[in-house]
């Protein structure tokens, strides 16, 4: 959220904080400060490092409410394209959290495809708010369009959420168990190539982790909501609502994950 201008039209800042100081970690959505990242943002607010490096590669709030484009708010122009049959209350969208729209996925044909994101980053973070309405279904799938594809976040038929990376086979950790269909969850995964640490988070809280050596596609695309035959248990189409999709080319810290959760909840 915006710590100075809290009523910023439902748009958000992503930042890490120690309680009195704020470090922006993503490009700003608010019209008040867009295009002014080098200016004075208020007492105790800093922009540290390159926004292109610190911020997300892809940021889809999925709050458009109409149309077939998932607008990228990262500043990189990586707009997503809706595919399949629209089944929300207004096209590809239905009412989401806090009076905003969310992407509506029908569990049979609906998904969002990213453009070519170039060479895959060595480290990564994936995050999204998900509201599954049925068991089974892929949230994130890493693809290359040339044969490489692997699910990286999915809802399983045993009411759990798995996070996966390809290591020569699909290697997964359990992020959540006993989920309630119809409830919202903020789910994030990080992979740090320097340490091999693969970590899960639900509602900002760290969960399962393990050490792995991730393998990479030749070029990178992400699909959200689409089925994938390479999966950690269930590779069906996602059924439910998704909002605030983020894809980062680095492993966010636990403090940054918690900041995202607090900003978007």
Protein backbone atom coordinates (compact mmCIF):
# COMPACT_ATOMS: atom_id res chain seq x y z
CA UNK A 1 0.00 0.00 0.00
CA UNK A 2 0.94 3.67 -0.18
CA UNK A 3 2.08 4.70 3.34
CA UNK A 4 1.56 8.43 2.61
CA UNK A 5 -1.42 8.50 0.26
CA UNK A 6 -3.47 5.58 1.57
CA UNK A 7 -6.55 6.38 -0.53
CA UNK A 8 -4.78 6.02 -3.88
CA UNK A 9 -7.66 4.79 -6.06
CA UNK A 10 -7.25 1.15 -5.04
CA UNK A 11 -3.73 1.04 -6.46
CA UNK A 12 -0.72 -0.20 -4.53
CA UNK A 13 2.94 0.21 -3.78
CA UNK A 14 5.08 -2.81 -2.96
CA UNK A 15 7.57 -2.03 -0.22
CA UNK A 16 9.56 -3.48 2.64
CA UNK A 17 9.39 -1.66 5.96
CA UNK A 18 10.97 -1.66 9.40
CA UNK A 19 7.93 0.19 10.77
CA UNK A 20 9.23 3.73 10.25
CA UNK A 21 11.03 3.58 6.90
CA UNK A 22 9.76 2.20 3.60
CA UNK A 23 11.77 0.80 0.68
CA UNK A 24 9.88 0.52 -2.59
CA UNK A 25 10.46 -2.84 -4.28
CA UNK A 26 8.26 -2.48 -7.37
CA UNK A 27 7.12 0.21 -9.82
CA UNK A 28 4.33 2.35 -8.40
CA UNK A 29 0.73 2.03 -9.59
CA UNK A 30 -0.64 5.27 -8.11
CA UNK A 31 -1.16 8.08 -10.62
CA UNK A 32 0.16 10.43 -7.93
CA UNK A 33 3.71 9.16 -8.30
CA UNK A 34 3.88 7.23 -11.58
CA UNK A 35 6.82 8.43 -13.65
CA UNK A 36 8.35 10.18 -10.63
CA UNK A 37 10.39 7.39 -9.04
CA UNK A 38 13.40 9.70 -8.64
CA UNK A 39 11.40 12.46 -6.98
CA UNK A 40 10.52 13.15 -3.37
CA UNK A 41 7.91 10.63 -2.28
CA UNK A 42 7.50 11.72 1.33
CA UNK A 43 9.32 11.41 4.63
CA UNK A 44 10.92 8.04 5.26
CA UNK A 45 10.27 6.65 1.77
CA UNK A 46 13.20 5.55 -0.39
CA UNK A 47 13.61 4.09 -3.83
CA UNK A 48 16.58 1.78 -3.56
CA UNK A 49 18.22 0.20 -6.59
CA UNK A 50 16.93 -0.07 -10.13
CA UNK A 51 13.16 -0.42 -10.36
CA UNK A 52 13.61 -2.71 -13.35
CA UNK A 53 15.82 -4.96 -11.22
CA UNK A 54 13.93 -4.69 -7.94
CA UNK A 55 10.40 -4.81 -9.30
CA UNK A 56 8.45 -7.54 -11.04
CA UNK A 57 8.89 -8.69 -14.62
CA UNK A 58 5.11 -9.10 -14.79
CA UNK A 59 2.43 -7.57 -12.58
CA UNK A 60 -1.17 -8.35 -13.53
CA UNK A 61 -3.65 -6.98 -10.96
CA UNK A 62 -6.49 -8.48 -13.08
CA UNK A 63 -8.70 -5.56 -12.06
CA UNK A 64 -9.65 -4.44 -15.59
CA UNK A 65 -13.25 -5.64 -15.32
CA UNK A 66 -13.65 -5.98 -19.09
CA UNK A 67 -11.75 -6.85 -22.26
CA UNK A 68 -9.35 -9.68 -23.07
CA UNK A 69 -6.01 -8.10 -22.06
CA UNK A 70 -4.37 -8.56 -18.65
CA UNK A 71 -2.61 -5.23 -18.33
CA UNK A 72 0.95 -5.36 -17.01
CA UNK A 73 1.58 -2.77 -14.27
CA UNK A 74 5.30 -3.59 -13.96
CA UNK A 75 6.32 -0.98 -16.52
CA UNK A 76 7.73 -3.69 -18.82
CA UNK A 77 4.76 -3.89 -21.19
CA UNK A 78 4.30 -7.63 -20.65
CA UNK A 79 0.54 -7.66 -21.13
CA UNK A 80 -1.16 -11.04 -20.94
CA UNK A 81 -3.81 -12.33 -23.36
CA UNK A 82 -6.94 -14.09 -22.13
CA UNK A 83 -7.75 -17.35 -23.91
CA UNK A 84 -10.73 -19.71 -23.84
CA UNK A 85 -14.38 -19.14 -23.01
CA UNK A 86 -15.17 -16.13 -20.84
CA UNK A 87 -17.35 -17.23 -17.92
CA UNK A 88 -17.15 -14.42 -15.37
CA UNK A 89 -19.98 -12.09 -14.44
CA UNK A 90 -18.48 -9.56 -16.86
CA UNK A 91 -16.52 -11.40 -19.54
CA UNK A 92 -13.27 -12.71 -18.09
CA UNK A 93 -13.85 -10.95 -14.74
CA UNK A 94 -15.94 -11.37 -11.61
CA UNK A 95 -16.08 -9.37 -8.37
CA UNK A 96 -12.98 -10.07 -6.28
CA UNK A 97 -11.58 -8.79 -3.01
CA UNK A 98 -12.27 -5.36 -1.56
CA UNK A 99 -14.65 -4.21 -4.27
CA UNK A 100 -12.17 -4.87 -7.07
CA UNK A 101 -12.37 -7.23 -10.03
CA UNK A 102 -10.53 -10.54 -10.30
CA UNK A 103 -9.80 -12.89 -13.17
CA UNK A 104 -12.46 -15.63 -13.50
CA UNK A 105 -11.27 -19.10 -14.57
CA UNK A 106 -13.83 -21.74 -15.57
CA UNK A 107 -11.82 -24.91 -14.97
CA UNK A 108 -12.08 -26.10 -18.57
CA UNK A 109 -10.67 -23.61 -21.08
CA UNK A 110 -9.83 -20.23 -19.52
CA UNK A 111 -6.24 -19.06 -19.05
CA UNK A 112 -3.88 -16.12 -19.56
CA UNK A 113 -0.76 -16.34 -21.73
CA UNK A 114 2.20 -14.04 -21.28
CA UNK A 115 4.25 -12.70 -24.18
CA UNK A 116 7.84 -13.88 -24.74
CA UNK A 117 9.66 -12.89 -21.53
CA UNK A 118 13.11 -13.60 -22.97
CA UNK A 119 15.78 -15.64 -21.24
CA UNK A 120 14.54 -17.03 -17.94
CA UNK A 121 16.00 -15.46 -14.80
CA UNK A 122 18.14 -17.74 -12.65
CA UNK A 123 16.21 -16.82 -9.50
CA UNK A 124 12.49 -16.14 -9.31
CA UNK A 125 9.42 -15.34 -7.26
CA UNK A 126 5.83 -16.15 -8.22
CA UNK A 127 2.92 -14.70 -6.25
CA UNK A 128 -0.85 -14.53 -6.62
CA UNK A 129 -4.08 -14.29 -4.68
CA UNK A 130 -6.14 -17.38 -5.48
CA UNK A 131 -9.71 -18.35 -4.63
CA UNK A 132 -10.17 -21.93 -5.85
CA UNK A 133 -13.72 -23.21 -6.16
CA UNK A 134 -12.87 -26.83 -7.04
CA UNK A 135 -10.05 -29.26 -6.37
CA UNK A 136 -7.34 -29.58 -8.96
CA UNK A 137 -5.99 -26.88 -11.24
CA UNK A 138 -2.77 -25.13 -12.30
CA UNK A 139 -2.17 -21.52 -11.25
CA UNK A 140 1.28 -20.98 -12.85
CA UNK A 141 2.84 -22.96 -15.68
CA UNK A 142 6.36 -22.21 -16.96
CA UNK A 143 6.58 -22.81 -20.72
CA UNK A 144 8.73 -22.21 -23.77
CA UNK A 145 6.24 -22.96 -26.60
CA UNK A 146 8.80 -25.43 -27.99
CA UNK A 147 8.10 -28.49 -25.87
CA UNK A 148 9.15 -27.29 -22.41
CA UNK A 149 6.30 -26.98 -19.92
CA UNK A 150 6.05 -27.52 -16.18
CA UNK A 151 3.44 -26.57 -13.59
CA UNK A 152 4.83 -24.43 -10.76
CA UNK A 153 1.77 -23.74 -8.58
CA UNK A 154 -1.32 -25.93 -8.44
CA UNK A 155 -4.33 -26.85 -6.34
CA UNK A 156 -4.45 -30.59 -5.71
CA UNK A 157 -7.40 -32.95 -5.37
CA UNK A 158 -6.50 -33.60 -1.72
CA UNK A 159 -7.28 -29.94 -0.85
CA UNK A 160 -3.64 -28.84 -0.79
CA UNK A 161 -1.57 -26.35 -2.77
CA UNK A 162 1.71 -27.61 -4.25
CA UNK A 163 4.62 -25.54 -5.56
CA UNK A 164 6.98 -27.16 -8.06
CA UNK A 165 10.13 -26.62 -10.10
CA UNK A 166 11.64 -28.77 -12.83
CA UNK A 167 14.92 -30.39 -11.78
CA UNK A 168 14.98 -33.15 -14.39
CA UNK A 169 11.67 -34.27 -12.90
CA UNK A 170 8.85 -32.32 -11.25
CA UNK A 171 10.01 -31.54 -7.70
CA UNK A 172 7.36 -30.14 -5.35
CA UNK A 173 6.80 -28.84 -1.86
CA UNK A 174 3.44 -28.55 -0.11
CA UNK A 175 2.51 -24.92 0.58
CA UNK A 176 -0.88 -25.49 2.23
CA UNK A 177 -3.13 -28.34 3.31
CA UNK A 178 -6.82 -28.46 4.22
CA UNK A 179 -7.72 -25.37 2.18
CA UNK A 180 -11.34 -24.21 2.07
CA UNK A 181 -12.78 -23.76 -1.41
CA UNK A 182 -14.21 -20.29 -1.85
CA UNK A 183 -11.62 -18.67 0.47
CA UNK A 184 -8.84 -16.36 -0.69
CA UNK A 185 -5.18 -17.30 -0.18
CA UNK A 186 -2.04 -15.32 -0.96
CA UNK A 187 0.44 -17.90 -2.27
CA UNK A 188 4.07 -17.24 -3.17
CA UNK A 189 7.12 -19.30 -4.07
CA UNK A 190 10.75 -18.27 -4.35
CA UNK A 191 13.81 -19.94 -5.83
CA UNK A 192 17.28 -18.57 -5.09
CA UNK A 193 19.79 -19.97 -7.59
CA UNK A 194 22.80 -18.96 -5.48
CA UNK A 195 21.75 -21.19 -2.58
CA UNK A 196 19.31 -23.57 -4.29
CA UNK A 197 16.69 -22.62 -1.71
CA UNK A 198 13.12 -23.30 -2.89
CA UNK A 199 10.58 -21.82 -0.46
CA UNK A 200 6.81 -21.54 -0.02
CA UNK A 201 4.64 -18.86 1.59
CA UNK A 202 0.92 -18.71 2.34
CA UNK A 203 -0.63 -15.43 3.53
CA UNK A 204 2.88 -14.07 3.99
CA UNK A 205 4.01 -16.83 6.36
CA UNK A 206 7.00 -19.00 5.36
CA UNK A 207 6.25 -22.69 4.99
CA UNK A 208 7.94 -25.71 3.47
CA UNK A 209 11.32 -25.32 1.81
CA UNK A 210 13.99 -27.52 0.28
CA UNK A 211 17.27 -27.27 -1.61
CA UNK A 212 17.10 -28.04 -5.35
CA UNK A 213 18.89 -27.28 -8.61
CA UNK A 214 16.30 -25.84 -10.99
CA UNK A 215 16.46 -26.36 -14.74
CA UNK A 216 15.29 -23.73 -17.21
CA UNK A 217 13.44 -23.45 -20.53
CA UNK A 218 15.31 -21.93 -23.51
CA UNK A 219 12.93 -18.95 -23.57
CA UNK A 220 10.32 -18.02 -21.00
CA UNK A 221 6.55 -17.76 -21.14
CA UNK A 222 4.11 -18.03 -18.25
CA UNK A 223 0.56 -19.31 -18.51
CA UNK A 224 -1.89 -18.70 -15.66
CA UNK A 225 -4.78 -21.10 -15.15
CA UNK A 226 -3.96 -23.46 -18.04
CA UNK A 227 -3.71 -27.23 -17.72
CA UNK A 228 -0.26 -28.87 -17.82
CA UNK A 229 0.58 -32.55 -18.22
CA UNK A 230 3.86 -31.97 -16.35
CA UNK A 231 2.57 -31.37 -12.85
CA UNK A 232 2.89 -32.20 -9.18
CA UNK A 233 -0.35 -34.12 -8.81
CA UNK A 234 -3.13 -32.45 -10.79
CA UNK A 235 -2.59 -30.56 -14.01
CA UNK A 236 -6.14 -29.47 -14.83
CA UNK A 237 -7.42 -26.01 -15.68
CA UNK A 238 -7.86 -23.76 -12.64
CA UNK A 239 -11.41 -23.15 -11.42
CA UNK A 240 -12.04 -19.99 -9.42
CA UNK A 241 -10.69 -16.45 -9.14
CA UNK A 242 -7.12 -15.12 -9.32
CA UNK A 243 -5.81 -11.59 -8.76
CA UNK A 244 -2.55 -9.69 -8.23
CA UNK A 245 -0.29 -11.98 -10.26
CA UNK A 246 3.39 -11.18 -9.82
CA UNK A 247 6.46 -12.69 -11.53
CA UNK A 248 9.87 -11.50 -10.31
CA UNK A 249 13.33 -12.22 -11.68
CA UNK A 250 14.77 -12.63 -8.20
CA UNK A 251 13.96 -14.36 -4.92
CA UNK A 252 12.11 -11.92 -2.69
CA UNK A 253 13.06 -11.98 0.97
CA UNK A 254 10.59 -13.13 3.65
CA UNK A 255 10.12 -9.49 4.66
CA UNK A 256 9.27 -8.53 1.08
CA UNK A 257 6.78 -11.39 0.78
CA UNK A 258 5.08 -10.29 4.00
CA UNK A 259 5.05 -6.69 2.73
CA UNK A 260 3.30 -7.79 -0.46
CA UNK A 261 0.73 -9.73 1.53
CA UNK A 262 0.05 -6.80 3.88
CA UNK A 263 -0.13 -4.35 0.97
CA UNK A 264 -2.61 -6.41 -1.02
CA UNK A 265 -4.80 -8.03 1.64
